[in-house]
Amino acid sequence: MFAVFTFSIIWGYRHEYCEKDKHYRITLQLITFSIAVFYAGLTEVIQIFIPYREGNWGDFLADVIGCVLGICIFKLIFIKKMIKKSSPIQ
């Protein structure tokens, strides 16, 4: 779920990602990762207040791994798209 969430956030900024310099791309990835990890932590904290639920460090770690996976999937798609766009037409 968090892989899709993170991918969706960064996909929404893909045009800015393509047009800006490398520093901006890294900043965008860090901001996206920070938002997703904050949301993951918030969901675990909120579970403390719900009866029969509890926050779990293992769930939080799985969410963070999902966040990293979402960014990696975006980078793979982005790299393939840029390679395809820059290759000469035969």
Protein backbone atom coordinates (compact mmCIF):
# COMPACT_ATOMS: atom_id res chain seq x y z
CA MET A 1 0.00 0.00 0.00
CA PHE A 2 2.78 2.45 0.87
CA ALA A 3 4.65 1.62 -2.33
CA VAL A 4 1.58 2.70 -4.31
CA PHE A 5 1.11 5.76 -2.07
CA THR A 6 4.71 6.90 -2.50
CA PHE A 7 4.69 6.17 -6.22
CA SER A 8 1.50 8.21 -6.59
CA ILE A 9 2.98 11.22 -4.82
CA ILE A 10 6.14 11.31 -6.90
CA TRP A 11 4.26 10.48 -10.12
CA GLY A 12 2.21 13.63 -9.63
CA TYR A 13 5.42 15.67 -9.80
CA ARG A 14 6.99 13.77 -12.71
CA HIS A 15 7.02 16.77 -15.07
CA GLU A 16 8.91 18.88 -12.56
CA TYR A 17 11.15 15.87 -11.92
CA CYS A 18 12.11 15.66 -15.59
CA GLU A 19 12.68 19.35 -16.16
CA LYS A 20 14.74 20.24 -13.12
CA ASP A 21 18.35 19.53 -12.22
CA LYS A 22 19.66 16.56 -10.27
CA HIS A 23 19.60 18.44 -6.94
CA TYR A 24 15.88 19.06 -7.36
CA ARG A 25 15.26 15.39 -8.17
CA ILE A 26 16.99 14.26 -4.99
CA THR A 27 15.09 16.87 -2.97
CA LEU A 28 11.79 15.70 -4.47
CA GLN A 29 12.59 12.10 -3.57
CA LEU A 30 13.47 13.06 0.01
CA ILE A 31 10.31 15.15 0.43
CA THR A 32 8.17 12.35 -0.99
CA PHE A 33 9.87 9.80 1.26
CA SER A 34 9.46 12.06 4.31
CA ILE A 35 5.74 12.59 3.68
CA ALA A 36 5.14 8.87 3.22
CA VAL A 37 7.16 7.86 6.31
CA PHE A 38 5.40 10.51 8.40
CA TYR A 39 2.04 9.13 7.28
CA ALA A 40 3.20 5.58 8.06
CA GLY A 41 4.21 6.62 11.57
CA LEU A 42 0.97 8.51 12.06
CA THR A 43 -1.10 5.45 11.17
CA GLU A 44 0.80 3.39 13.73
CA VAL A 45 0.32 6.02 16.45
CA ILE A 46 -3.40 6.38 15.69
CA GLN A 47 -3.83 2.63 16.15
CA ILE A 48 -2.95 3.05 19.85
CA PHE A 49 -6.28 4.84 20.38
CA ILE A 50 -8.41 2.25 18.55
CA PRO A 51 -9.70 -0.67 20.65
CA TYR A 52 -8.20 -4.08 19.77
CA ARG A 53 -5.47 -2.45 17.66
CA GLU A 54 -1.92 -1.55 18.49
CA GLY A 55 0.95 0.19 16.77
CA ASN A 56 3.77 -2.11 15.79
CA TRP A 57 7.39 -1.39 14.86
CA GLY A 58 7.31 -4.27 12.39
CA ASP A 59 4.38 -2.72 10.55
CA PHE A 60 6.13 0.63 10.51
CA LEU A 61 9.27 -0.98 9.06
CA ALA A 62 7.19 -2.72 6.40
CA ASP A 63 5.59 0.62 5.52
CA VAL A 64 9.01 2.28 5.21
CA ILE A 65 10.22 -0.54 2.96
CA GLY A 66 7.11 0.03 0.85
CA CYS A 67 7.99 3.73 0.61
CA VAL A 68 11.48 2.89 -0.64
CA LEU A 69 10.03 0.39 -3.10
CA GLY A 70 7.63 3.02 -4.49
CA ILE A 71 10.47 5.44 -5.16
CA CYS A 72 12.58 2.68 -6.75
CA ILE A 73 9.73 1.65 -9.05
CA PHE A 74 9.27 5.26 -10.14
CA LYS A 75 13.00 5.63 -10.82
CA LEU A 76 13.00 2.45 -12.93
CA ILE A 77 10.05 3.67 -14.99
CA PHE A 78 11.56 7.15 -15.27
CA ILE A 79 14.95 5.82 -16.40
CA LYS A 80 13.36 3.53 -19.01
CA LYS A 81 11.24 6.41 -20.31
CA MET A 82 14.21 8.77 -20.54
CA ILE A 83 16.37 6.15 -22.30
CA LYS A 84 13.56 5.46 -24.76
CA LYS A 85 13.05 9.20 -25.33
CA SER A 86 16.75 9.91 -25.92
CA SER A 87 17.45 6.96 -28.24
CA PRO A 88 17.65 7.85 -31.95
CA ILE A 89 14.80 6.74 -34.20
CA GLN A 90 15.82 3.92 -36.48
